[in-house]
Amino acid sequence: MTEAQAYEAIVQRWAAAWTAAQPAVPYVLGNEAAPGGAAFVALTFGELATRRITQGPTARKQYRGIVHVRVFGAVDAGDAPTLGLSASVRAALEDRTIATANGDVYMWTAPAAQSSKQGNWY
């Protein structure tokens, strides 16, 4: 599986799971423009490392990357709406194996970080 194929598998899994769970909340990929409205979710992808896992001229490679999911909510709406969206994000991607014809994509969980409540972005 190539990096592009893994990206496509993750996007397909995300789109299907997110639109089923939160059809009223839009999402953006990469550097797409933020939609209007009170809440949305943004996904960005990054490659961390590539390693060969077999020898020879047609060696297999393993790609390791990261999927950042950022949840944006309405100002002064409290934590409950964004916590609900975060639960839907976890249900869509956390600890999932995405099976494809080109191989499997394994999604592991990393610790989440909550931003300050002031709404200041640095």
PDB file of N, CA and C in Angstrom:
ATOM      1  N   MET A   1       0.838  -1.175   0.000  1.00  0.00           N
ATOM      2  CA  MET A   1       0.000   0.000   0.000  1.00  0.00           C
ATOM      3  C   MET A   1       0.885   1.241   0.000  1.00  0.00           C
ATOM      4  N   THR A   2       0.528   2.193  -0.810  1.00  0.00           N
ATOM      5  CA  THR A   2       1.275   3.438  -0.855  1.00  0.00           C
ATOM      6  C   THR A   2       0.698   4.430   0.159  1.00  0.00           C
ATOM      7  N   GLU A   3       1.425   5.494   0.370  1.00  0.00           N
ATOM      8  CA  GLU A   3       0.941   6.542   1.266  1.00  0.00           C
ATOM      9  C   GLU A   3      -0.367   7.137   0.741  1.00  0.00           C
ATOM     10  N   ALA A   4      -0.459   7.358  -0.559  1.00  0.00           N
ATOM     11  CA  ALA A   4      -1.676   7.921  -1.161  1.00  0.00           C
ATOM     12  C   ALA A   4      -2.871   6.982  -0.974  1.00  0.00           C
ATOM     13  N   GLN A   5      -2.635   5.678  -1.096  1.00  0.00           N
ATOM     14  CA  GLN A   5      -3.719   4.705  -0.905  1.00  0.00           C
ATOM     15  C   GLN A   5      -4.181   4.693   0.556  1.00  0.00           C
ATOM     16  N   ALA A   6      -3.248   4.808   1.484  1.00  0.00           N
ATOM     17  CA  ALA A   6      -3.609   4.859   2.908  1.00  0.00           C
ATOM     18  C   ALA A   6      -4.427   6.112   3.194  1.00  0.00           C
ATOM     19  N   TYR A   7      -3.989   7.238   2.650  1.00  0.00           N
ATOM     20  CA  TYR A   7      -4.720   8.499   2.815  1.00  0.00           C
ATOM     21  C   TYR A   7      -6.149   8.350   2.303  1.00  0.00           C
ATOM     22  N   GLU A   8      -6.302   7.798   1.115  1.00  0.00           N
ATOM     23  CA  GLU A   8      -7.633   7.628   0.530  1.00  0.00           C
ATOM     24  C   GLU A   8      -8.502   6.699   1.375  1.00  0.00           C
ATOM     25  N   ALA A   9      -7.923   5.634   1.911  1.00  0.00           N
ATOM     26  CA  ALA A   9      -8.687   4.707   2.754  1.00  0.00           C
ATOM     27  C   ALA A   9      -9.175   5.398   4.025  1.00  0.00           C
ATOM     28  N   ILE A  10      -8.319   6.224   4.613  1.00  0.00           N
ATOM     29  CA  ILE A  10      -8.703   6.946   5.834  1.00  0.00           C
ATOM     30  C   ILE A  10      -9.801   7.955   5.524  1.00  0.00           C
ATOM     31  N   VAL A  11      -9.656   8.678   4.426  1.00  0.00           N
ATOM     32  CA  VAL A  11     -10.669   9.678   4.051  1.00  0.00           C
ATOM     33  C   VAL A  11     -12.012   9.002   3.779  1.00  0.00           C
ATOM     34  N   GLN A  12     -12.011   7.873   3.092  1.00  0.00           N
ATOM     35  CA  GLN A  12     -13.269   7.168   2.820  1.00  0.00           C
ATOM     36  C   GLN A  12     -13.928   6.689   4.109  1.00  0.00           C
ATOM     37  N   ARG A  13     -13.124   6.118   5.000  1.00  0.00           N
ATOM     38  CA  ARG A  13     -13.653   5.665   6.304  1.00  0.00           C
ATOM     39  C   ARG A  13     -14.227   6.856   7.065  1.00  0.00           C
ATOM     40  N   TRP A  14     -13.459   7.944   7.106  1.00  0.00           N
ATOM     41  CA  TRP A  14     -13.897   9.132   7.822  1.00  0.00           C
ATOM     42  C   TRP A  14     -15.203   9.678   7.246  1.00  0.00           C
ATOM     43  N   ALA A  15     -15.272   9.856   5.951  1.00  0.00           N
ATOM     44  CA  ALA A  15     -16.451  10.451   5.317  1.00  0.00           C
ATOM     45  C   ALA A  15     -17.709   9.622   5.597  1.00  0.00           C
ATOM     46  N   ALA A  16     -17.589   8.315   5.483  1.00  0.00           N
ATOM     47  CA  ALA A  16     -18.754   7.451   5.727  1.00  0.00           C
ATOM     48  C   ALA A  16     -19.186   7.503   7.192  1.00  0.00           C
ATOM     49  N   ALA A  17     -18.238   7.378   8.105  1.00  0.00           N
ATOM     50  CA  ALA A  17     -18.571   7.345   9.532  1.00  0.00           C
ATOM     51  C   ALA A  17     -19.055   8.707  10.025  1.00  0.00           C
ATOM     52  N   TRP A  18     -18.395   9.788   9.585  1.00  0.00           N
ATOM     53  CA  TRP A  18     -18.764  11.116  10.074  1.00  0.00           C
ATOM     54  C   TRP A  18     -20.129  11.552   9.566  1.00  0.00           C
ATOM     55  N   THR A  19     -20.407  11.367   8.292  1.00  0.00           N
ATOM     56  CA  THR A  19     -21.701  11.811   7.762  1.00  0.00           C
ATOM     57  C   THR A  19     -22.854  10.989   8.332  1.00  0.00           C
ATOM     58  N   ALA A  20     -22.586   9.750   8.730  1.00  0.00           N
ATOM     59  CA  ALA A  20     -23.628   8.953   9.384  1.00  0.00           C
ATOM     60  C   ALA A  20     -23.859   9.422  10.823  1.00  0.00           C
ATOM     61  N   ALA A  21     -22.784   9.788  11.516  1.00  0.00           N
ATOM     62  CA  ALA A  21     -22.899  10.165  12.929  1.00  0.00           C
ATOM     63  C   ALA A  21     -23.278  11.632  13.130  1.00  0.00           C
ATOM     64  N   GLN A  22     -22.749  12.517  12.295  1.00  0.00           N
ATOM     65  CA  GLN A  22     -22.952  13.957  12.472  1.00  0.00           C
ATOM     66  C   GLN A  22     -23.272  14.621  11.124  1.00  0.00           C
ATOM     67  N   PRO A  23     -24.393  14.300  10.516  1.00  0.00           N
ATOM     68  CA  PRO A  23     -24.670  14.818   9.176  1.00  0.00           C
ATOM     69  C   PRO A  23     -24.788  16.341   9.107  1.00  0.00           C
ATOM     70  N   ALA A  24     -25.095  16.996  10.211  1.00  0.00           N
ATOM     71  CA  ALA A  24     -25.269  18.448  10.195  1.00  0.00           C
ATOM     72  C   ALA A  24     -23.962  19.206  10.421  1.00  0.00           C
ATOM     73  N   VAL A  25     -22.891  18.492  10.768  1.00  0.00           N
ATOM     74  CA  VAL A  25     -21.617  19.152  11.078  1.00  0.00           C
ATOM     75  C   VAL A  25     -20.640  18.891   9.940  1.00  0.00           C
ATOM     76  N   PRO A  26     -20.225  19.943   9.243  1.00  0.00           N
ATOM     77  CA  PRO A  26     -19.303  19.753   8.118  1.00  0.00           C
ATOM     78  C   PRO A  26     -17.880  19.462   8.580  1.00  0.00           C
ATOM     79  N   TYR A  27     -17.082  18.947   7.657  1.00  0.00           N
ATOM     80  CA  TYR A  27     -15.663  18.727   7.926  1.00  0.00           C
ATOM     81  C   TYR A  27     -14.855  19.230   6.742  1.00  0.00           C
ATOM     82  N   VAL A  28     -13.593  19.523   7.017  1.00  0.00           N
ATOM     83  CA  VAL A  28     -12.672  19.935   5.962  1.00  0.00           C
ATOM     84  C   VAL A  28     -11.434  19.051   6.041  1.00  0.00           C
ATOM     85  N   LEU A  29     -10.775  18.883   4.903  1.00  0.00           N
ATOM     86  CA  LEU A  29      -9.547  18.092   4.820  1.00  0.00           C
ATOM     87  C   LEU A  29      -8.394  19.016   4.470  1.00  0.00           C
ATOM     88  N   GLY A  30      -7.273  18.825   5.138  1.00  0.00           N
ATOM     89  CA  GLY A  30      -6.081  19.600   4.824  1.00  0.00           C
ATOM     90  C   GLY A  30      -6.300  21.081   5.012  1.00  0.00           C
ATOM     91  N   ASN A  31      -5.982  21.837   3.991  1.00  0.00           N
ATOM     92  CA  ASN A  31      -6.085  23.294   4.101  1.00  0.00           C
ATOM     93  C   ASN A  31      -7.300  23.855   3.375  1.00  0.00           C
ATOM     94  N   GLU A  32      -8.365  23.078   3.299  1.00  0.00           N
ATOM     95  CA  GLU A  32      -9.602  23.583   2.706  1.00  0.00           C
ATOM     96  C   GLU A  32     -10.140  24.733   3.561  1.00  0.00           C
ATOM     97  N   ALA A  33     -10.892  25.612   2.954  1.00  0.00           N
ATOM     98  CA  ALA A  33     -11.472  26.743   3.678  1.00  0.00           C
ATOM     99  C   ALA A  33     -12.479  26.250   4.709  1.00  0.00           C
ATOM    100  N   ALA A  34     -12.478  26.904   5.850  1.00  0.00           N
ATOM    101  CA  ALA A  34     -13.423  26.549   6.911  1.00  0.00           C
ATOM    102  C   ALA A  34     -14.838  26.904   6.473  1.00  0.00           C
ATOM    103  N   PRO A  35     -15.789  26.014   6.729  1.00  0.00           N
ATOM    104  CA  PRO A  35     -17.174  26.308   6.348  1.00  0.00           C
ATOM    105  C   PRO A  35     -17.794  27.309   7.319  1.00  0.00           C
ATOM    106  N   GLY A  36     -18.866  27.921   6.900  1.00  0.00           N
ATOM    107  CA  GLY A  36     -19.601  28.786   7.804  1.00  0.00           C
ATOM    108  C   GLY A  36     -20.367  27.940   8.811  1.00  0.00           C
ATOM    109  N   GLY A  37     -20.814  28.543   9.860  1.00  0.00           N
ATOM    110  CA  GLY A  37     -21.581  27.805  10.857  1.00  0.00           C
ATOM    111  C   GLY A  37     -20.871  27.772  12.195  1.00  0.00           C
ATOM    112  N   ALA A  38     -21.566  27.241  13.168  1.00  0.00           N
ATOM    113  CA  ALA A  38     -21.053  27.260  14.537  1.00  0.00           C
ATOM    114  C   ALA A  38     -20.002  26.195  14.798  1.00  0.00           C
ATOM    115  N   ALA A  39     -20.080  25.069  14.126  1.00  0.00           N
ATOM    116  CA  ALA A  39     -19.165  23.966  14.431  1.00  0.00           C
ATOM    117  C   ALA A  39     -18.693  23.296  13.147  1.00  0.00           C
ATOM    118  N   PHE A  40     -17.459  22.800  13.183  1.00  0.00           N
ATOM    119  CA  PHE A  40     -16.936  21.980  12.106  1.00  0.00           C
ATOM    120  C   PHE A  40     -15.736  21.215  12.627  1.00  0.00           C
ATOM    121  N   VAL A  41     -15.295  20.247  11.848  1.00  0.00           N
ATOM    122  CA  VAL A  41     -14.156  19.412  12.210  1.00  0.00           C
ATOM    123  C   VAL A  41     -13.145  19.481  11.072  1.00  0.00           C
ATOM    124  N   ALA A  42     -11.860  19.573  11.416  1.00  0.00           N
ATOM    125  CA  ALA A  42     -10.794  19.660  10.411  1.00  0.00           C
ATOM    126  C   ALA A  42      -9.827  18.501  10.587  1.00  0.00           C
ATOM    127  N   LEU A  43      -9.525  17.811   9.495  1.00  0.00           N
ATOM    128  CA  LEU A  43      -8.545  16.722   9.496  1.00  0.00           C
ATOM    129  C   LEU A  43      -7.328  17.143   8.695  1.00  0.00           C
ATOM    130  N   THR A  44      -6.155  16.910   9.257  1.00  0.00           N
ATOM    131  CA  THR A  44      -4.914  17.097   8.523  1.00  0.00           C
ATOM    132  C   THR A  44      -4.080  15.839   8.700  1.00  0.00           C
ATOM    133  N   PHE A  45      -3.236  15.573   7.723  1.00  0.00           N
ATOM    134  CA  PHE A  45      -2.444  14.354   7.711  1.00  0.00           C
ATOM    135  C   PHE A  45      -0.967  14.699   7.644  1.00  0.00           C
ATOM    136  N   GLY A  46      -0.158  13.868   8.250  1.00  0.00           N
ATOM    137  CA  GLY A  46       1.285  14.052   8.162  1.00  0.00           C
ATOM    138  C   GLY A  46       2.002  12.721   8.216  1.00  0.00           C
ATOM    139  N   GLU A  47       3.077  12.608   7.447  1.00  0.00           N
ATOM    140  CA  GLU A  47       3.886  11.384   7.464  1.00  0.00           C
ATOM    141  C   GLU A  47       4.976  11.536   8.503  1.00  0.00           C
ATOM    142  N   LEU A  48       5.129  10.522   9.335  1.00  0.00           N
ATOM    143  CA  LEU A  48       6.175  10.547  10.353  1.00  0.00           C
ATOM    144  C   LEU A  48       7.404   9.760   9.922  1.00  0.00           C
ATOM    145  N   ALA A  49       7.190   8.596   9.311  1.00  0.00           N
ATOM    146  CA  ALA A  49       8.337   7.761   8.953  1.00  0.00           C
ATOM    147  C   ALA A  49       7.925   6.719   7.928  1.00  0.00           C
ATOM    148  N   THR A  50       8.918   6.269   7.173  1.00  0.00           N
ATOM    149  CA  THR A  50       8.757   5.157   6.235  1.00  0.00           C
ATOM    150  C   THR A  50       9.869   4.177   6.530  1.00  0.00           C
ATOM    151  N   ARG A  51       9.541   2.894   6.527  1.00  0.00           N
ATOM    152  CA  ARG A  51      10.591   1.893   6.717  1.00  0.00           C
ATOM    153  C   ARG A  51      10.332   0.692   5.828  1.00  0.00           C
ATOM    154  N   ARG A  52      11.418   0.071   5.398  1.00  0.00           N
ATOM    155  CA  ARG A  52      11.312  -1.161   4.610  1.00  0.00           C
ATOM    156  C   ARG A  52      11.041  -2.311   5.558  1.00  0.00           C
ATOM    157  N   ILE A  53      10.106  -3.162   5.173  1.00  0.00           N
ATOM    158  CA  ILE A  53       9.809  -4.313   6.023  1.00  0.00           C
ATOM    159  C   ILE A  53      10.176  -5.637   5.358  1.00  0.00           C
ATOM    160  N   THR A  54      10.613  -5.600   4.086  1.00  0.00           N
ATOM    161  CA  THR A  54      11.138  -6.784   3.418  1.00  0.00           C
ATOM    162  C   THR A  54      12.349  -6.367   2.591  1.00  0.00           C
ATOM    163  N   GLN A  55      13.127  -7.334   2.166  1.00  0.00           N
ATOM    164  CA  GLN A  55      14.313  -7.080   1.351  1.00  0.00           C
ATOM    165  C   GLN A  55      14.002  -7.337  -0.120  1.00  0.00           C
ATOM    166  N   GLY A  56      14.906  -6.918  -0.986  1.00  0.00           N
ATOM    167  CA  GLY A  56      14.780  -7.228  -2.402  1.00  0.00           C
ATOM    168  C   GLY A  56      14.357  -6.044  -3.230  1.00  0.00           C
ATOM    169  N   PRO A  57      14.341  -6.237  -4.563  1.00  0.00           N
ATOM    170  CA  PRO A  57      14.019  -5.128  -5.460  1.00  0.00           C
ATOM    171  C   PRO A  57      12.568  -4.662  -5.365  1.00  0.00           C
ATOM    172  N   THR A  58      11.669  -5.508  -4.907  1.00  0.00           N
ATOM    173  CA  THR A  58      10.269  -5.117  -4.733  1.00  0.00           C
ATOM    174  C   THR A  58       9.917  -5.103  -3.248  1.00  0.00           C
ATOM    175  N   ALA A  59      10.774  -4.481  -2.472  1.00  0.00           N
ATOM    176  CA  ALA A  59      10.595  -4.459  -1.019  1.00  0.00           C
ATOM    177  C   ALA A  59       9.279  -3.784  -0.626  1.00  0.00           C
ATOM    178  N   ARG A  60       8.680  -4.305   0.416  1.00  0.00           N
ATOM    179  CA  ARG A  60       7.472  -3.696   0.963  1.00  0.00           C
ATOM    180  C   ARG A  60       7.885  -2.614   1.953  1.00  0.00           C
ATOM    181  N   LYS A  61       7.119  -1.555   1.993  1.00  0.00           N
ATOM    182  CA  LYS A  61       7.387  -0.455   2.907  1.00  0.00           C
ATOM    183  C   LYS A  61       6.217  -0.283   3.861  1.00  0.00           C
ATOM    184  N   GLN A  62       6.536   0.206   5.022  1.00  0.00           N
ATOM    185  CA  GLN A  62       5.514   0.526   6.005  1.00  0.00           C
ATOM    186  C   GLN A  62       5.551   2.035   6.229  1.00  0.00           C
ATOM    187  N   TYR A  63       4.402   2.670   6.098  1.00  0.00           N
ATOM    188  CA  TYR A  63       4.300   4.109   6.298  1.00  0.00           C
ATOM    189  C   TYR A  63       3.647   4.370   7.641  1.00  0.00           C
ATOM    190  N   ARG A  64       4.221   5.266   8.386  1.00  0.00           N
ATOM    191  CA  ARG A  64       3.611   5.680   9.646  1.00  0.00           C
ATOM    192  C   ARG A  64       3.314   7.156   9.550  1.00  0.00           C
ATOM    193  N   GLY A  65       2.115   7.509   9.914  1.00  0.00           N
ATOM    194  CA  GLY A  65       1.714   8.907   9.824  1.00  0.00           C
ATOM    195  C   GLY A  65       0.829   9.285  10.986  1.00  0.00           C
ATOM    196  N   ILE A  66       0.350  10.481  10.914  1.00  0.00           N
ATOM    197  CA  ILE A  66      -0.510  10.990  11.976  1.00  0.00           C
ATOM    198  C   ILE A  66      -1.711  11.682  11.346  1.00  0.00           C
ATOM    199  N   VAL A  67      -2.848  11.512  11.969  1.00  0.00           N
ATOM    200  CA  VAL A  67      -4.065  12.201  11.550  1.00  0.00           C
ATOM    201  C   VAL A  67      -4.443  13.139  12.695  1.00  0.00           C
ATOM    202  N   HIS A  68      -4.393  14.428  12.420  1.00  0.00           N
ATOM    203  CA  HIS A  68      -4.821  15.419  13.409  1.00  0.00           C
ATOM    204  C   HIS A  68      -6.286  15.712  13.158  1.00  0.00           C
ATOM    205  N   VAL A  69      -7.090  15.604  14.194  1.00  0.00           N
ATOM    206  CA  VAL A  69      -8.503  15.948  14.084  1.00  0.00           C
ATOM    207  C   VAL A  69      -8.769  17.081  15.070  1.00  0.00           C
ATOM    208  N   ARG A  70      -9.169  18.202  14.535  1.00  0.00           N
ATOM    209  CA  ARG A  70      -9.461  19.365  15.372  1.00  0.00           C
ATOM    210  C   ARG A  70     -10.951  19.654  15.318  1.00  0.00           C
ATOM    211  N   VAL A  71     -11.537  19.834  16.488  1.00  0.00           N
ATOM    212  CA  VAL A  71     -12.972  20.071  16.616  1.00  0.00           C
ATOM    213  C   VAL A  71     -13.180  21.543  16.980  1.00  0.00           C
ATOM    214  N   PHE A  72     -13.995  22.229  16.194  1.00  0.00           N
ATOM    215  CA  PHE A  72     -14.290  23.637  16.432  1.00  0.00           C
ATOM    216  C   PHE A  72     -15.763  23.784  16.757  1.00  0.00           C
ATOM    217  N   GLY A  73     -16.064  24.564  17.790  1.00  0.00           N
ATOM    218  CA  GLY A  73     -17.449  24.763  18.192  1.00  0.00           C
ATOM    219  C   GLY A  73     -17.773  26.231  18.321  1.00  0.00           C
ATOM    220  N   ALA A  74     -19.010  26.500  18.632  1.00  0.00           N
ATOM    221  CA  ALA A  74     -19.485  27.874  18.788  1.00  0.00           C
ATOM    222  C   ALA A  74     -18.849  28.518  20.012  1.00  0.00           C
ATOM    223  N   VAL A  75     -18.616  29.823  19.927  1.00  0.00           N
ATOM    224  CA  VAL A  75     -18.066  30.581  21.044  1.00  0.00           C
ATOM    225  C   VAL A  75     -19.090  30.634  22.169  1.00  0.00           C
ATOM    226  N   ASP A  76     -18.625  30.475  23.391  1.00  0.00           N
ATOM    227  CA  ASP A  76     -19.453  30.570  24.602  1.00  0.00           C
ATOM    228  C   ASP A  76     -20.588  29.548  24.652  1.00  0.00           C
ATOM    229  N   ALA A  77     -20.396  28.398  24.003  1.00  0.00           N
ATOM    230  CA  ALA A  77     -21.431  27.357  24.025  1.00  0.00           C
ATOM    231  C   ALA A  77     -21.124  26.282  25.064  1.00  0.00           C
ATOM    232  N   GLY A  78     -20.012  26.414  25.767  1.00  0.00           N
ATOM    233  CA  GLY A  78     -19.635  25.410  26.747  1.00  0.00           C
ATOM    234  C   GLY A  78     -18.921  24.235  26.090  1.00  0.00           C
ATOM    235  N   ASP A  79     -18.558  23.261  26.906  1.00  0.00           N
ATOM    236  CA  ASP A  79     -17.804  22.111  26.424  1.00  0.00           C
ATOM    237  C   ASP A  79     -18.663  20.986  25.865  1.00  0.00           C
ATOM    238  N   ALA A  80     -19.920  20.905  26.264  1.00  0.00           N
ATOM    239  CA  ALA A  80     -20.753  19.754  25.897  1.00  0.00           C
ATOM    240  C   ALA A  80     -20.856  19.538  24.379  1.00  0.00           C
ATOM    241  N   PRO A  81     -21.088  20.567  23.581  1.00  0.00           N
ATOM    242  CA  PRO A  81     -21.197  20.310  22.134  1.00  0.00           C
ATOM    243  C   PRO A  81     -19.915  19.755  21.525  1.00  0.00           C
ATOM    244  N   THR A  82     -18.766  20.325  21.893  1.00  0.00           N
ATOM    245  CA  THR A  82     -17.519  19.833  21.310  1.00  0.00           C
ATOM    246  C   THR A  82     -17.131  18.477  21.872  1.00  0.00           C
ATOM    247  N   LEU A  83     -17.484  18.193  23.113  1.00  0.00           N
ATOM    248  CA  LEU A  83     -17.220  16.859  23.662  1.00  0.00           C
ATOM    249  C   LEU A  83     -18.038  15.806  22.929  1.00  0.00           C
ATOM    250  N   GLY A  84     -19.265  16.150  22.557  1.00  0.00           N
ATOM    251  CA  GLY A  84     -20.084  15.229  21.767  1.00  0.00           C
ATOM    252  C   GLY A  84     -19.487  14.971  20.397  1.00  0.00           C
ATOM    253  N   LEU A  85     -18.964  16.027  19.761  1.00  0.00           N
ATOM    254  CA  LEU A  85     -18.303  15.858  18.468  1.00  0.00           C
ATOM    255  C   LEU A  85     -17.036  15.024  18.615  1.00  0.00           C
ATOM    256  N   SER A  86     -16.304  15.243  19.684  1.00  0.00           N
ATOM    257  CA  SER A  86     -15.084  14.466  19.929  1.00  0.00           C
ATOM    258  C   SER A  86     -15.395  12.980  20.096  1.00  0.00           C
ATOM    259  N   ALA A  87     -16.505  12.669  20.746  1.00  0.00           N
ATOM    260  CA  ALA A  87     -16.908  11.270  20.889  1.00  0.00           C
ATOM    261  C   ALA A  87     -17.191  10.651  19.521  1.00  0.00           C
ATOM    262  N   SER A  88     -17.794  11.420  18.621  1.00  0.00           N
ATOM    263  CA  SER A  88     -18.053  10.917  17.272  1.00  0.00           C
ATOM    264  C   SER A  88     -16.756  10.715  16.488  1.00  0.00           C
ATOM    265  N   VAL A  89     -15.778  11.594  16.713  1.00  0.00           N
ATOM    266  CA  VAL A  89     -14.468  11.430  16.072  1.00  0.00           C
ATOM    267  C   VAL A  89     -13.832  10.126  16.538  1.00  0.00           C
ATOM    268  N   ARG A  90     -13.842   9.891  17.855  1.00  0.00           N
ATOM    269  CA  ARG A  90     -13.259   8.655  18.385  1.00  0.00           C
ATOM    270  C   ARG A  90     -13.963   7.427  17.827  1.00  0.00           C
ATOM    271  N   ALA A  91     -15.285   7.478  17.743  1.00  0.00           N
ATOM    272  CA  ALA A  91     -16.032   6.331  17.212  1.00  0.00           C
ATOM    273  C   ALA A  91     -15.679   6.068  15.747  1.00  0.00           C
ATOM    274  N   ALA A  92     -15.380   7.127  15.011  1.00  0.00           N
ATOM    275  CA  ALA A  92     -15.075   6.971  13.582  1.00  0.00           C
ATOM    276  C   ALA A  92     -13.675   6.414  13.336  1.00  0.00           C
ATOM    277  N   LEU A  93     -12.692   6.822  14.133  1.00  0.00           N
ATOM    278  CA  LEU A  93     -11.301   6.498  13.801  1.00  0.00           C
ATOM    279  C   LEU A  93     -10.510   5.758  14.873  1.00  0.00           C
ATOM    280  N   GLU A  94     -10.892   5.858  16.111  1.00  0.00           N
ATOM    281  CA  GLU A  94     -10.066   5.326  17.192  1.00  0.00           C
ATOM    282  C   GLU A  94      -9.944   3.802  17.139  1.00  0.00           C
ATOM    283  N   ASP A  95      -8.707   3.341  17.176  1.00  0.00           N
ATOM    284  CA  ASP A  95      -8.403   1.902  17.233  1.00  0.00           C
ATOM    285  C   ASP A  95      -9.145   1.096  16.166  1.00  0.00           C
ATOM    286  N   ARG A  96      -9.132   1.582  14.951  1.00  0.00           N
ATOM    287  CA  ARG A  96      -9.804   0.918  13.831  1.00  0.00           C
ATOM    288  C   ARG A  96      -8.790   0.291  12.884  1.00  0.00           C
ATOM    289  N   THR A  97      -9.184  -0.784  12.266  1.00  0.00           N
ATOM    290  CA  THR A  97      -8.437  -1.355  11.155  1.00  0.00           C
ATOM    291  C   THR A  97      -9.280  -1.151   9.911  1.00  0.00           C
ATOM    292  N   ILE A  98      -8.692  -0.475   8.928  1.00  0.00           N
ATOM    293  CA  ILE A  98      -9.393  -0.196   7.682  1.00  0.00           C
ATOM    294  C   ILE A  98      -8.841  -1.160   6.639  1.00  0.00           C
ATOM    295  N   ALA A  99      -9.633  -2.143   6.282  1.00  0.00           N
ATOM    296  CA  ALA A  99      -9.202  -3.156   5.315  1.00  0.00           C
ATOM    297  C   ALA A  99      -9.412  -2.643   3.899  1.00  0.00           C
ATOM    298  N   THR A 100      -8.389  -2.777   3.068  1.00  0.00           N
ATOM    299  CA  THR A 100      -8.489  -2.388   1.661  1.00  0.00           C
ATOM    300  C   THR A 100      -7.895  -3.503   0.806  1.00  0.00           C
ATOM    301  N   ALA A 101      -8.100  -3.417  -0.482  1.00  0.00           N
ATOM    302  CA  ALA A 101      -7.535  -4.401  -1.406  1.00  0.00           C
ATOM    303  C   ALA A 101      -6.008  -4.325  -1.437  1.00  0.00           C
ATOM    304  N   ASN A 102      -5.456  -3.185  -1.039  1.00  0.00           N
ATOM    305  CA  ASN A 102      -4.000  -2.985  -1.076  1.00  0.00           C
ATOM    306  C   ASN A 102      -3.314  -3.271   0.257  1.00  0.00           C
ATOM    307  N   GLY A 103      -4.072  -3.661   1.263  1.00  0.00           N
ATOM    308  CA  GLY A 103      -3.524  -3.901   2.596  1.00  0.00           C
ATOM    309  C   GLY A 103      -4.377  -3.189   3.632  1.00  0.00           C
ATOM    310  N   ASP A 104      -3.979  -3.320   4.867  1.00  0.00           N
ATOM    311  CA  ASP A 104      -4.750  -2.740   5.957  1.00  0.00           C
ATOM    312  C   ASP A 104      -4.104  -1.458   6.459  1.00  0.00           C
ATOM    313  N   VAL A 105      -4.955  -0.554   6.926  1.00  0.00           N
ATOM    314  CA  VAL A 105      -4.516   0.664   7.597  1.00  0.00           C
ATOM    315  C   VAL A 105      -4.915   0.518   9.054  1.00  0.00           C
ATOM    316  N   TYR A 106      -3.953   0.667   9.946  1.00  0.00           N
ATOM    317  CA  TYR A 106      -4.203   0.521  11.380  1.00  0.00           C
ATOM    318  C   TYR A 106      -4.214   1.892  12.027  1.00  0.00           C
ATOM    319  N   MET A 107      -5.277   2.196  12.746  1.00  0.00           N
ATOM    320  CA  MET A 107      -5.417   3.478  13.429  1.00  0.00           C
ATOM    321  C   MET A 107      -5.233   3.249  14.924  1.00  0.00           C
ATOM    322  N   TRP A 108      -4.216   3.890  15.493  1.00  0.00           N
ATOM    323  CA  TRP A 108      -3.998   3.824  16.937  1.00  0.00           C
ATOM    324  C   TRP A 108      -4.328   5.162  17.546  1.00  0.00           C
ATOM    325  N   THR A 109      -4.494   5.169  18.841  1.00  0.00           N
ATOM    326  CA  THR A 109      -4.893   6.370  19.549  1.00  0.00           C
ATOM    327  C   THR A 109      -3.693   7.024  20.214  1.00  0.00           C
ATOM    328  N   ALA A 110      -3.625   8.330  20.101  1.00  0.00           N
ATOM    329  CA  ALA A 110      -2.624   9.121  20.813  1.00  0.00           C
ATOM    330  C   ALA A 110      -3.354   9.977  21.840  1.00  0.00           C
ATOM    331  N   PRO A 111      -2.658  10.421  22.852  1.00  0.00           N
ATOM    332  CA  PRO A 111      -3.321  11.284  23.843  1.00  0.00           C
ATOM    333  C   PRO A 111      -3.893  12.531  23.189  1.00  0.00           C
ATOM    334  N   ALA A 112      -5.050  12.933  23.646  1.00  0.00           N
ATOM    335  CA  ALA A 112      -5.695  14.138  23.124  1.00  0.00           C
ATOM    336  C   ALA A 112      -5.315  15.329  23.983  1.00  0.00           C
ATOM    337  N   ALA A 113      -5.308  16.489  23.390  1.00  0.00           N
ATOM    338  CA  ALA A 113      -5.012  17.723  24.112  1.00  0.00           C
ATOM    339  C   ALA A 113      -6.185  18.673  23.954  1.00  0.00           C
ATOM    340  N   GLN A 114      -6.550  19.303  25.047  1.00  0.00           N
ATOM    341  CA  GLN A 114      -7.636  20.280  24.990  1.00  0.00           C
ATOM    342  C   GLN A 114      -7.020  21.665  25.002  1.00  0.00           C
ATOM    343  N   SER A 115      -7.476  22.519  24.122  1.00  0.00           N
ATOM    344  CA  SER A 115      -6.960  23.875  24.072  1.00  0.00           C
ATOM    345  C   SER A 115      -7.562  24.703  25.183  1.00  0.00           C
ATOM    346  N   SER A 116      -6.989  25.863  25.393  1.00  0.00           N
ATOM    347  CA  SER A 116      -7.498  26.763  26.432  1.00  0.00           C
ATOM    348  C   SER A 116      -8.914  27.208  26.068  1.00  0.00           C
ATOM    349  N   LYS A 117      -9.664  27.590  27.070  1.00  0.00           N
ATOM    350  CA  LYS A 117     -11.055  27.985  26.852  1.00  0.00           C
ATOM    351  C   LYS A 117     -11.178  29.431  26.397  1.00  0.00           C
ATOM    352  N   GLN A 118     -10.069  30.180  26.374  1.00  0.00           N
ATOM    353  CA  GLN A 118     -10.138  31.581  25.969  1.00  0.00           C
ATOM    354  C   GLN A 118     -10.374  31.733  24.476  1.00  0.00           C
ATOM    355  N   GLY A 119     -10.081  30.721  23.691  1.00  0.00           N
ATOM    356  CA  GLY A 119     -10.283  30.824  22.250  1.00  0.00           C
ATOM    357  C   GLY A 119      -9.148  31.505  21.528  1.00  0.00           C
ATOM    358  N   ASN A 120      -8.024  31.681  22.201  1.00  0.00           N
ATOM    359  CA  ASN A 120      -6.868  32.290  21.564  1.00  0.00           C
ATOM    360  C   ASN A 120      -6.059  31.207  20.879  1.00  0.00           C
ATOM    361  N   TRP A 121      -5.685  31.446  19.619  1.00  0.00           N
ATOM    362  CA  TRP A 121      -4.934  30.459  18.853  1.00  0.00           C
ATOM    363  C   TRP A 121      -3.559  31.024  18.552  1.00  0.00           C
ATOM    364  N   TYR A 122      -2.535  30.268  18.825  1.00  0.00           N
ATOM    365  CA  TYR A 122      -1.160  30.715  18.622  1.00  0.00           C
ATOM    366  C   TYR A 122      -0.463  29.844  17.618  1.00  0.00           C
TER     367      TYR A 122
END
